[in-house]
């Protein structure tokens, strides 16, 4: 028998691949639906996320759940707590594709910004070609410090940070698809 992490089923995607159901991702999907329904900074998103994870952990008896099944569980929970307007707007986005800028910077080497941008472009292309609706880019500040070879933030760091963010946005604009991009 295989033990599932935290006894939570895995998410089975349309292409047959599986992903772990992450708390932050689920909370983000709820927050996005709440924003579409007119609630900015919906304070219940974290509580509803915990309730859904608790249900999946204790009451859902299958080892995997599909996105349509997860949508139904979440919409039912939202209806049950009196937030039908959010349930109507809710949709589970595919789990985000994650790009680690720190890893790319380490691969390029300190001071090799051109190599870094080439690596970043190479990582973005397959993600954009498969039309992933959700991209998380992590490690921006550490990446910038590494590429600049500095311990403290400087004007050059701010400029490089802006270049990286602009580069990422330009990659998305070329693709012309709606993508939720999170840069941390």
N, C-alpha and C. Protein backbone atom coordinates (compact mmCIF):
# COMPACT_ATOMS: atom_id res chain seq x y z
N UNK A 1 0.84 -1.18 0.00
CA UNK A 1 0.00 0.00 0.00
C UNK A 1 0.89 1.25 0.00
N UNK A 2 0.47 2.26 -0.70
CA UNK A 2 1.20 3.51 -0.77
C UNK A 2 0.55 4.51 0.17
N UNK A 3 1.33 5.14 1.01
CA UNK A 3 0.81 6.16 1.92
C UNK A 3 0.88 7.52 1.24
N UNK A 4 -0.24 8.23 1.21
CA UNK A 4 -0.28 9.56 0.63
C UNK A 4 0.16 10.58 1.65
N UNK A 5 0.82 11.61 1.17
CA UNK A 5 1.29 12.67 2.05
C UNK A 5 0.10 13.33 2.73
N UNK A 6 0.12 13.40 4.03
CA UNK A 6 -0.95 14.00 4.83
C UNK A 6 -2.31 13.35 4.58
N UNK A 7 -2.33 12.16 3.97
CA UNK A 7 -3.57 11.43 3.65
C UNK A 7 -4.48 12.21 2.72
N UNK A 8 -3.95 13.15 1.98
CA UNK A 8 -4.73 13.94 1.03
C UNK A 8 -4.55 13.30 -0.34
N UNK A 9 -5.65 13.09 -1.08
CA UNK A 9 -5.50 12.51 -2.42
C UNK A 9 -4.67 13.41 -3.33
N UNK A 10 -4.08 12.81 -4.35
CA UNK A 10 -3.34 13.59 -5.33
C UNK A 10 -4.34 14.13 -6.37
N UNK A 11 -3.93 15.15 -7.08
CA UNK A 11 -4.77 15.74 -8.12
C UNK A 11 -4.40 15.12 -9.46
N UNK A 12 -5.37 14.52 -10.11
CA UNK A 12 -5.16 13.90 -11.42
C UNK A 12 -5.55 14.92 -12.50
N UNK A 13 -4.57 15.33 -13.30
CA UNK A 13 -4.81 16.32 -14.35
C UNK A 13 -5.35 15.65 -15.60
N UNK A 14 -5.86 16.46 -16.53
CA UNK A 14 -6.46 15.95 -17.76
C UNK A 14 -5.49 15.12 -18.59
N UNK A 15 -4.21 15.46 -18.54
CA UNK A 15 -3.22 14.73 -19.35
C UNK A 15 -2.75 13.43 -18.67
N UNK A 16 -3.34 13.10 -17.52
CA UNK A 16 -3.00 11.88 -16.82
C UNK A 16 -1.91 12.05 -15.77
N UNK A 17 -1.25 13.19 -15.75
CA UNK A 17 -0.21 13.42 -14.75
C UNK A 17 -0.87 13.72 -13.40
N UNK A 18 -0.07 13.62 -12.35
CA UNK A 18 -0.60 13.89 -11.02
C UNK A 18 0.22 14.99 -10.36
N UNK A 19 -0.43 15.71 -9.48
CA UNK A 19 0.19 16.79 -8.71
C UNK A 19 -0.27 16.69 -7.27
N UNK A 20 0.51 17.24 -6.39
CA UNK A 20 0.13 17.34 -4.99
C UNK A 20 -0.81 18.54 -4.84
N UNK A 21 -1.83 18.39 -4.05
CA UNK A 21 -2.73 19.52 -3.77
C UNK A 21 -2.06 20.38 -2.72
N UNK A 22 -1.66 21.58 -3.15
CA UNK A 22 -0.94 22.48 -2.24
C UNK A 22 -1.89 23.51 -1.64
N UNK A 23 -1.73 23.75 -0.37
CA UNK A 23 -2.56 24.69 0.39
C UNK A 23 -2.55 26.09 -0.24
N UNK A 24 -1.36 26.62 -0.55
CA UNK A 24 -1.26 27.98 -1.09
C UNK A 24 -1.92 28.10 -2.45
N UNK A 25 -1.82 27.07 -3.26
CA UNK A 25 -2.43 27.08 -4.59
C UNK A 25 -3.95 27.08 -4.48
N UNK A 26 -4.49 26.20 -3.61
CA UNK A 26 -5.93 26.11 -3.42
C UNK A 26 -6.48 27.42 -2.85
N UNK A 27 -5.76 27.99 -1.91
CA UNK A 27 -6.16 29.27 -1.32
C UNK A 27 -6.16 30.38 -2.39
N UNK A 28 -5.18 30.34 -3.27
CA UNK A 28 -5.12 31.32 -4.36
C UNK A 28 -6.30 31.19 -5.31
N UNK A 29 -6.70 29.96 -5.62
CA UNK A 29 -7.87 29.75 -6.48
C UNK A 29 -9.13 30.30 -5.82
N UNK A 30 -9.27 30.08 -4.52
CA UNK A 30 -10.42 30.62 -3.78
C UNK A 30 -10.39 32.15 -3.76
N UNK A 31 -9.21 32.71 -3.52
CA UNK A 31 -9.08 34.17 -3.50
C UNK A 31 -9.41 34.78 -4.84
N UNK A 32 -9.01 34.13 -5.91
CA UNK A 32 -9.30 34.62 -7.26
C UNK A 32 -10.81 34.61 -7.52
N UNK A 33 -11.49 33.52 -7.11
CA UNK A 33 -12.95 33.45 -7.29
C UNK A 33 -13.65 34.52 -6.46
N UNK A 34 -13.17 34.72 -5.24
CA UNK A 34 -13.77 35.75 -4.37
C UNK A 34 -13.59 37.13 -4.99
N UNK A 35 -12.42 37.40 -5.56
CA UNK A 35 -12.18 38.70 -6.20
C UNK A 35 -13.12 38.89 -7.39
N UNK A 36 -13.34 37.83 -8.16
CA UNK A 36 -14.28 37.91 -9.30
C UNK A 36 -15.70 38.18 -8.82
N UNK A 37 -16.02 37.70 -7.60
CA UNK A 37 -17.35 37.91 -7.03
C UNK A 37 -17.47 39.24 -6.30
N UNK A 38 -16.37 40.01 -6.27
CA UNK A 38 -16.42 41.34 -5.67
C UNK A 38 -15.84 41.44 -4.27
N UNK A 39 -15.26 40.37 -3.76
CA UNK A 39 -14.64 40.40 -2.44
C UNK A 39 -13.13 40.57 -2.59
N UNK A 40 -12.64 41.74 -2.24
CA UNK A 40 -11.19 41.92 -2.27
C UNK A 40 -10.63 41.48 -0.92
N UNK A 41 -9.51 40.78 -0.94
CA UNK A 41 -8.88 40.28 0.29
C UNK A 41 -9.87 39.47 1.13
N UNK A 42 -10.47 38.45 0.53
CA UNK A 42 -11.46 37.64 1.23
C UNK A 42 -10.81 36.90 2.37
N UNK A 43 -11.16 37.24 3.59
CA UNK A 43 -10.50 36.70 4.77
C UNK A 43 -10.82 35.24 5.04
N UNK A 44 -11.87 34.70 4.45
CA UNK A 44 -12.24 33.31 4.69
C UNK A 44 -11.50 32.31 3.81
N UNK A 45 -10.74 32.77 2.84
CA UNK A 45 -10.09 31.86 1.89
C UNK A 45 -9.23 30.81 2.60
N UNK A 46 -8.44 31.24 3.57
CA UNK A 46 -7.58 30.29 4.28
C UNK A 46 -8.39 29.28 5.10
N UNK A 47 -9.47 29.73 5.72
CA UNK A 47 -10.31 28.85 6.52
C UNK A 47 -11.04 27.83 5.64
N UNK A 48 -11.54 28.29 4.51
CA UNK A 48 -12.23 27.38 3.59
C UNK A 48 -11.23 26.37 3.03
N UNK A 49 -10.03 26.83 2.72
CA UNK A 49 -8.98 25.92 2.23
C UNK A 49 -8.72 24.82 3.26
N UNK A 50 -8.57 25.20 4.51
CA UNK A 50 -8.32 24.21 5.57
C UNK A 50 -9.48 23.23 5.71
N UNK A 51 -10.70 23.73 5.58
CA UNK A 51 -11.87 22.86 5.67
C UNK A 51 -11.90 21.86 4.53
N UNK A 52 -11.58 22.31 3.33
CA UNK A 52 -11.57 21.43 2.17
C UNK A 52 -10.48 20.37 2.32
N UNK A 53 -9.30 20.78 2.76
CA UNK A 53 -8.22 19.82 2.97
C UNK A 53 -8.58 18.82 4.06
N UNK A 54 -9.26 19.27 5.08
CA UNK A 54 -9.71 18.39 6.16
C UNK A 54 -10.72 17.37 5.61
N UNK A 55 -11.64 17.83 4.78
CA UNK A 55 -12.60 16.91 4.15
C UNK A 55 -11.89 15.88 3.29
N UNK A 56 -10.95 16.35 2.46
CA UNK A 56 -10.23 15.42 1.58
C UNK A 56 -9.42 14.41 2.39
N UNK A 57 -8.85 14.86 3.49
CA UNK A 57 -8.03 14.00 4.34
C UNK A 57 -8.89 12.95 5.05
N UNK A 58 -10.05 13.35 5.55
CA UNK A 58 -10.84 12.46 6.39
C UNK A 58 -12.01 11.76 5.73
N UNK A 59 -12.59 12.37 4.71
CA UNK A 59 -13.84 11.83 4.16
C UNK A 59 -13.74 11.36 2.71
N UNK A 60 -12.78 11.83 1.98
CA UNK A 60 -12.67 11.44 0.57
C UNK A 60 -11.88 10.14 0.51
N UNK A 61 -12.50 9.09 -0.02
CA UNK A 61 -11.90 7.76 0.08
C UNK A 61 -11.13 7.29 -1.16
N UNK A 62 -10.93 8.16 -2.13
CA UNK A 62 -10.19 7.79 -3.33
C UNK A 62 -8.75 8.31 -3.23
N UNK A 63 -7.78 7.63 -3.87
CA UNK A 63 -6.39 8.09 -3.81
C UNK A 63 -6.09 9.30 -4.69
N UNK A 64 -6.99 9.58 -5.67
CA UNK A 64 -6.79 10.71 -6.57
C UNK A 64 -8.13 11.39 -6.83
N UNK A 65 -8.05 12.68 -7.13
CA UNK A 65 -9.25 13.45 -7.44
C UNK A 65 -8.97 14.26 -8.70
N UNK A 66 -9.94 14.35 -9.59
CA UNK A 66 -9.78 15.13 -10.82
C UNK A 66 -10.17 16.59 -10.55
N UNK A 67 -9.80 17.45 -11.46
CA UNK A 67 -10.15 18.88 -11.30
C UNK A 67 -11.66 19.07 -11.27
N UNK A 68 -12.44 18.44 -12.17
CA UNK A 68 -13.90 18.62 -12.06
C UNK A 68 -14.47 18.14 -10.72
N UNK A 69 -13.93 17.04 -10.19
CA UNK A 69 -14.40 16.54 -8.89
C UNK A 69 -14.02 17.51 -7.78
N UNK A 70 -12.80 18.04 -7.84
CA UNK A 70 -12.37 19.02 -6.84
C UNK A 70 -13.22 20.29 -6.93
N UNK A 71 -13.52 20.72 -8.15
CA UNK A 71 -14.40 21.88 -8.33
C UNK A 71 -15.73 21.66 -7.62
N UNK A 72 -16.31 20.48 -7.78
CA UNK A 72 -17.60 20.17 -7.17
C UNK A 72 -17.52 20.19 -5.65
N UNK A 73 -16.45 19.63 -5.09
CA UNK A 73 -16.26 19.63 -3.63
C UNK A 73 -16.18 21.08 -3.12
N UNK A 74 -15.40 21.90 -3.81
CA UNK A 74 -15.21 23.28 -3.37
C UNK A 74 -16.47 24.10 -3.54
N UNK A 75 -17.15 23.94 -4.66
CA UNK A 75 -18.41 24.67 -4.86
C UNK A 75 -19.45 24.28 -3.82
N UNK A 76 -19.51 22.99 -3.50
CA UNK A 76 -20.46 22.53 -2.47
C UNK A 76 -20.13 23.16 -1.11
N UNK A 77 -18.84 23.22 -0.77
CA UNK A 77 -18.44 23.83 0.49
C UNK A 77 -18.80 25.31 0.52
N UNK A 78 -18.56 26.00 -0.57
CA UNK A 78 -18.90 27.43 -0.64
C UNK A 78 -20.40 27.65 -0.52
N UNK A 79 -21.18 26.81 -1.19
CA UNK A 79 -22.64 26.91 -1.08
C UNK A 79 -23.09 26.66 0.36
N UNK A 80 -22.48 25.66 1.01
CA UNK A 80 -22.88 25.28 2.37
C UNK A 80 -22.63 26.40 3.38
N UNK A 81 -21.61 27.22 3.15
CA UNK A 81 -21.33 28.31 4.11
C UNK A 81 -21.96 29.63 3.68
N UNK A 82 -22.81 29.58 2.66
CA UNK A 82 -23.55 30.77 2.27
C UNK A 82 -22.83 31.70 1.31
N UNK A 83 -21.85 31.20 0.57
CA UNK A 83 -21.13 32.01 -0.40
C UNK A 83 -21.32 31.46 -1.81
N UNK A 84 -22.60 31.33 -2.18
CA UNK A 84 -22.94 30.83 -3.51
C UNK A 84 -22.43 31.71 -4.63
N UNK A 85 -22.32 33.02 -4.38
CA UNK A 85 -21.81 33.94 -5.40
C UNK A 85 -20.35 33.65 -5.73
N UNK A 86 -19.59 33.20 -4.75
CA UNK A 86 -18.19 32.83 -5.00
C UNK A 86 -18.15 31.46 -5.69
N UNK A 87 -19.04 30.56 -5.27
CA UNK A 87 -19.10 29.23 -5.90
C UNK A 87 -19.35 29.35 -7.40
N UNK A 88 -20.19 30.29 -7.80
CA UNK A 88 -20.47 30.49 -9.22
C UNK A 88 -19.25 30.93 -10.01
N UNK A 89 -18.35 31.64 -9.37
CA UNK A 89 -17.14 32.16 -10.03
C UNK A 89 -15.94 31.23 -9.89
N UNK A 90 -16.08 30.19 -9.05
CA UNK A 90 -14.93 29.34 -8.75
C UNK A 90 -14.54 28.43 -9.90
N UNK A 91 -13.25 28.36 -10.16
CA UNK A 91 -12.68 27.36 -11.06
C UNK A 91 -11.28 27.02 -10.54
N UNK A 92 -10.96 25.75 -10.56
CA UNK A 92 -9.66 25.31 -10.12
C UNK A 92 -8.69 25.46 -11.28
N UNK A 93 -7.70 26.31 -11.10
CA UNK A 93 -6.65 26.44 -12.10
C UNK A 93 -5.71 25.25 -11.97
N UNK A 94 -5.07 24.89 -13.06
CA UNK A 94 -4.05 23.85 -12.94
C UNK A 94 -2.99 24.33 -11.95
N UNK A 95 -2.38 23.40 -11.24
CA UNK A 95 -1.31 23.82 -10.31
C UNK A 95 -0.24 24.59 -11.07
N UNK A 96 0.37 25.55 -10.41
CA UNK A 96 1.32 26.40 -11.11
C UNK A 96 2.58 25.66 -11.54
N UNK A 97 3.10 26.09 -12.67
CA UNK A 97 4.44 25.67 -13.08
C UNK A 97 5.39 26.56 -12.28
N UNK A 98 6.41 25.98 -11.73
CA UNK A 98 7.33 26.72 -10.87
C UNK A 98 8.68 26.86 -11.57
N UNK A 99 9.18 28.09 -11.58
CA UNK A 99 10.51 28.37 -12.10
C UNK A 99 11.31 29.00 -10.96
N UNK A 100 12.45 28.41 -10.66
CA UNK A 100 13.31 28.94 -9.61
C UNK A 100 14.39 29.81 -10.26
N UNK A 101 14.28 31.12 -10.04
CA UNK A 101 15.29 32.04 -10.59
C UNK A 101 16.64 31.82 -9.93
N UNK A 102 16.63 31.43 -8.66
CA UNK A 102 17.90 31.16 -7.96
C UNK A 102 18.63 30.00 -8.62
N UNK A 103 17.90 28.96 -8.99
CA UNK A 103 18.52 27.81 -9.66
C UNK A 103 19.07 28.21 -11.03
N UNK A 104 18.32 29.03 -11.76
CA UNK A 104 18.79 29.48 -13.08
C UNK A 104 20.04 30.34 -12.95
N UNK A 105 20.06 31.21 -11.94
CA UNK A 105 21.22 32.07 -11.72
C UNK A 105 22.44 31.23 -11.37
N UNK A 106 22.25 30.22 -10.54
CA UNK A 106 23.37 29.34 -10.16
C UNK A 106 23.88 28.58 -11.39
N UNK A 107 22.96 28.18 -12.25
CA UNK A 107 23.35 27.47 -13.48
C UNK A 107 24.13 28.39 -14.42
N UNK A 108 23.70 29.65 -14.50
CA UNK A 108 24.38 30.62 -15.37
C UNK A 108 25.72 31.05 -14.79
N UNK A 109 25.77 31.20 -13.48
CA UNK A 109 27.00 31.64 -12.82
C UNK A 109 26.94 33.11 -12.46
N UNK A 110 27.67 33.52 -11.40
CA UNK A 110 27.64 34.92 -10.97
C UNK A 110 28.18 35.84 -12.06
N UNK A 111 27.42 36.88 -12.32
CA UNK A 111 27.85 37.87 -13.31
C UNK A 111 27.46 37.55 -14.75
N UNK A 112 26.89 36.37 -15.00
CA UNK A 112 26.54 35.98 -16.36
C UNK A 112 25.06 36.22 -16.63
N UNK A 113 24.70 37.48 -16.70
CA UNK A 113 23.29 37.86 -16.87
C UNK A 113 22.75 37.41 -18.22
N UNK A 114 23.55 37.51 -19.28
CA UNK A 114 23.07 37.09 -20.59
C UNK A 114 22.73 35.60 -20.61
N UNK A 115 23.58 34.79 -20.01
CA UNK A 115 23.31 33.36 -19.92
C UNK A 115 22.05 33.11 -19.09
N UNK A 116 21.88 33.88 -18.02
CA UNK A 116 20.70 33.74 -17.18
C UNK A 116 19.43 34.02 -17.99
N UNK A 117 19.40 35.10 -18.75
CA UNK A 117 18.21 35.44 -19.52
C UNK A 117 17.93 34.39 -20.60
N UNK A 118 18.98 33.81 -21.17
CA UNK A 118 18.79 32.75 -22.16
C UNK A 118 18.18 31.51 -21.49
N UNK A 119 18.68 31.16 -20.32
CA UNK A 119 18.13 30.02 -19.58
C UNK A 119 16.67 30.26 -19.19
N UNK A 120 16.38 31.48 -18.77
CA UNK A 120 15.01 31.82 -18.39
C UNK A 120 14.08 31.70 -19.59
N UNK A 121 14.52 32.17 -20.73
CA UNK A 121 13.72 32.07 -21.95
C UNK A 121 13.48 30.60 -22.31
N UNK A 122 14.51 29.78 -22.18
CA UNK A 122 14.39 28.35 -22.48
C UNK A 122 13.42 27.66 -21.53
N UNK A 123 13.36 28.09 -20.26
CA UNK A 123 12.43 27.49 -19.30
C UNK A 123 11.00 27.95 -19.54
N UNK A 124 10.85 29.19 -20.00
CA UNK A 124 9.51 29.74 -20.22
C UNK A 124 8.85 29.14 -21.46
N UNK A 125 9.60 28.88 -22.52
CA UNK A 125 9.01 28.44 -23.78
C UNK A 125 8.14 27.19 -23.66
N UNK A 126 8.63 26.10 -23.04
CA UNK A 126 7.74 24.92 -22.95
C UNK A 126 6.51 25.16 -22.08
N UNK A 127 6.65 25.98 -21.05
CA UNK A 127 5.52 26.28 -20.18
C UNK A 127 4.46 27.05 -20.96
N UNK A 128 4.90 28.02 -21.74
CA UNK A 128 3.96 28.81 -22.53
C UNK A 128 3.37 28.00 -23.68
N UNK A 129 4.16 27.11 -24.26
CA UNK A 129 3.66 26.33 -25.39
C UNK A 129 2.57 25.34 -24.96
N UNK A 130 2.62 24.87 -23.71
CA UNK A 130 1.55 23.98 -23.27
C UNK A 130 0.40 24.75 -22.62
N UNK A 131 0.46 26.06 -22.73
CA UNK A 131 -0.63 26.95 -22.29
C UNK A 131 -0.96 26.81 -20.80
N UNK A 132 0.08 26.72 -19.99
CA UNK A 132 -0.13 26.65 -18.55
C UNK A 132 -0.74 27.98 -18.08
N UNK A 133 -1.86 27.93 -17.36
CA UNK A 133 -2.53 29.16 -16.95
C UNK A 133 -1.97 29.81 -15.69
N UNK A 134 -0.98 29.16 -15.07
CA UNK A 134 -0.55 29.59 -13.75
C UNK A 134 0.96 29.34 -13.63
N UNK A 135 1.74 30.42 -13.48
CA UNK A 135 3.19 30.29 -13.38
C UNK A 135 3.68 31.00 -12.13
N UNK A 136 4.45 30.29 -11.31
CA UNK A 136 5.07 30.89 -10.13
C UNK A 136 6.57 31.00 -10.39
N UNK A 137 7.09 32.21 -10.28
CA UNK A 137 8.51 32.46 -10.45
C UNK A 137 9.05 32.84 -9.07
N UNK A 138 9.97 32.03 -8.57
CA UNK A 138 10.44 32.18 -7.20
C UNK A 138 11.91 32.58 -7.12
N UNK A 139 12.28 33.23 -6.03
CA UNK A 139 13.68 33.54 -5.73
C UNK A 139 14.24 34.76 -6.43
N UNK A 140 13.41 35.74 -6.71
CA UNK A 140 13.86 36.92 -7.46
C UNK A 140 14.99 37.65 -6.75
N UNK A 141 14.83 37.98 -5.48
CA UNK A 141 15.86 38.76 -4.79
C UNK A 141 17.18 38.00 -4.66
N UNK A 142 17.10 36.73 -4.31
CA UNK A 142 18.33 35.94 -4.19
C UNK A 142 19.03 35.82 -5.54
N UNK A 143 18.25 35.66 -6.59
CA UNK A 143 18.80 35.58 -7.94
C UNK A 143 19.54 36.86 -8.30
N UNK A 144 18.91 37.99 -8.04
CA UNK A 144 19.52 39.28 -8.38
C UNK A 144 20.82 39.48 -7.60
N UNK A 145 20.80 39.20 -6.32
CA UNK A 145 22.02 39.35 -5.52
C UNK A 145 23.14 38.45 -6.03
N UNK A 146 22.79 37.23 -6.41
CA UNK A 146 23.79 36.28 -6.91
C UNK A 146 24.37 36.78 -8.23
N UNK A 147 23.51 37.20 -9.14
CA UNK A 147 24.00 37.67 -10.44
C UNK A 147 24.83 38.94 -10.30
N UNK A 148 24.46 39.79 -9.35
CA UNK A 148 25.21 41.03 -9.12
C UNK A 148 26.44 40.81 -8.24
N UNK A 149 26.55 39.62 -7.65
CA UNK A 149 27.65 39.27 -6.75
C UNK A 149 27.77 40.26 -5.58
N UNK A 150 26.62 40.56 -4.95
CA UNK A 150 26.60 41.48 -3.80
C UNK A 150 25.82 40.85 -2.65
N UNK A 151 26.13 41.31 -1.44
CA UNK A 151 25.39 40.84 -0.27
C UNK A 151 24.27 41.81 0.10
N UNK A 152 24.48 43.09 -0.18
CA UNK A 152 23.46 44.09 0.14
C UNK A 152 22.87 44.64 -1.14
N UNK A 153 21.63 45.04 -1.05
CA UNK A 153 20.88 45.54 -2.21
C UNK A 153 21.46 46.86 -2.68
N UNK A 154 21.54 47.05 -3.99
CA UNK A 154 22.09 48.28 -4.56
C UNK A 154 21.20 48.77 -5.69
N UNK A 155 21.56 49.90 -6.25
CA UNK A 155 20.82 50.45 -7.39
C UNK A 155 20.89 49.47 -8.57
N UNK A 156 22.05 48.88 -8.78
CA UNK A 156 22.20 47.88 -9.85
C UNK A 156 21.27 46.69 -9.65
N UNK A 157 21.07 46.32 -8.39
CA UNK A 157 20.14 45.23 -8.09
C UNK A 157 18.71 45.61 -8.48
N UNK A 158 18.33 46.83 -8.15
CA UNK A 158 16.99 47.29 -8.50
C UNK A 158 16.79 47.30 -10.01
N UNK A 159 17.81 47.73 -10.73
CA UNK A 159 17.71 47.77 -12.19
C UNK A 159 17.59 46.37 -12.78
N UNK A 160 18.41 45.44 -12.27
CA UNK A 160 18.34 44.06 -12.77
C UNK A 160 17.00 43.42 -12.41
N UNK A 161 16.52 43.70 -11.23
CA UNK A 161 15.21 43.18 -10.81
C UNK A 161 14.13 43.63 -11.78
N UNK A 162 14.15 44.92 -12.13
CA UNK A 162 13.18 45.46 -13.08
C UNK A 162 13.33 44.80 -14.45
N UNK A 163 14.57 44.58 -14.89
CA UNK A 163 14.81 43.92 -16.18
C UNK A 163 14.22 42.51 -16.20
N UNK A 164 14.40 41.78 -15.12
CA UNK A 164 13.88 40.41 -15.06
C UNK A 164 12.36 40.41 -15.11
N UNK A 165 11.73 41.27 -14.32
CA UNK A 165 10.26 41.35 -14.30
C UNK A 165 9.75 41.77 -15.68
N UNK A 166 10.38 42.77 -16.30
CA UNK A 166 9.97 43.20 -17.64
C UNK A 166 10.15 42.08 -18.66
N UNK A 167 11.23 41.32 -18.54
CA UNK A 167 11.49 40.20 -19.44
C UNK A 167 10.38 39.15 -19.33
N UNK A 168 10.01 38.82 -18.09
CA UNK A 168 8.94 37.84 -17.87
C UNK A 168 7.63 38.32 -18.45
N UNK A 169 7.31 39.58 -18.23
CA UNK A 169 6.07 40.14 -18.77
C UNK A 169 6.08 40.15 -20.29
N UNK A 170 7.22 40.46 -20.88
CA UNK A 170 7.34 40.47 -22.34
C UNK A 170 7.13 39.07 -22.91
N UNK A 171 7.64 38.05 -22.22
CA UNK A 171 7.44 36.67 -22.68
C UNK A 171 5.95 36.33 -22.69
N UNK A 172 5.22 36.79 -21.69
CA UNK A 172 3.78 36.52 -21.62
C UNK A 172 3.01 37.30 -22.68
N UNK A 173 3.43 38.53 -22.94
CA UNK A 173 2.74 39.34 -23.94
C UNK A 173 2.89 38.75 -25.34
N UNK A 174 4.05 38.14 -25.63
CA UNK A 174 4.25 37.49 -26.93
C UNK A 174 3.27 36.34 -27.12
N UNK A 175 2.99 35.65 -26.04
CA UNK A 175 2.14 34.46 -26.09
C UNK A 175 0.66 34.80 -26.25
N UNK A 176 0.25 35.97 -25.81
CA UNK A 176 -1.12 36.46 -25.92
C UNK A 176 -2.18 35.58 -25.26
N UNK A 177 -1.80 34.85 -24.22
CA UNK A 177 -2.79 34.06 -23.49
C UNK A 177 -2.91 34.58 -22.07
N UNK A 178 -4.02 34.31 -21.43
CA UNK A 178 -4.23 34.78 -20.07
C UNK A 178 -3.51 33.84 -19.11
N UNK A 179 -2.51 34.38 -18.43
CA UNK A 179 -1.69 33.60 -17.50
C UNK A 179 -1.61 34.35 -16.18
N UNK A 180 -1.79 33.60 -15.09
CA UNK A 180 -1.60 34.16 -13.77
C UNK A 180 -0.13 34.00 -13.42
N UNK A 181 0.60 35.11 -13.40
CA UNK A 181 2.04 35.10 -13.13
C UNK A 181 2.27 35.65 -11.73
N UNK A 182 2.93 34.85 -10.90
CA UNK A 182 3.30 35.27 -9.55
C UNK A 182 4.81 35.29 -9.47
N UNK A 183 5.35 36.44 -9.07
CA UNK A 183 6.81 36.58 -8.95
C UNK A 183 7.12 36.88 -7.49
N UNK A 184 7.95 36.04 -6.88
CA UNK A 184 8.34 36.25 -5.49
C UNK A 184 9.83 36.22 -5.37
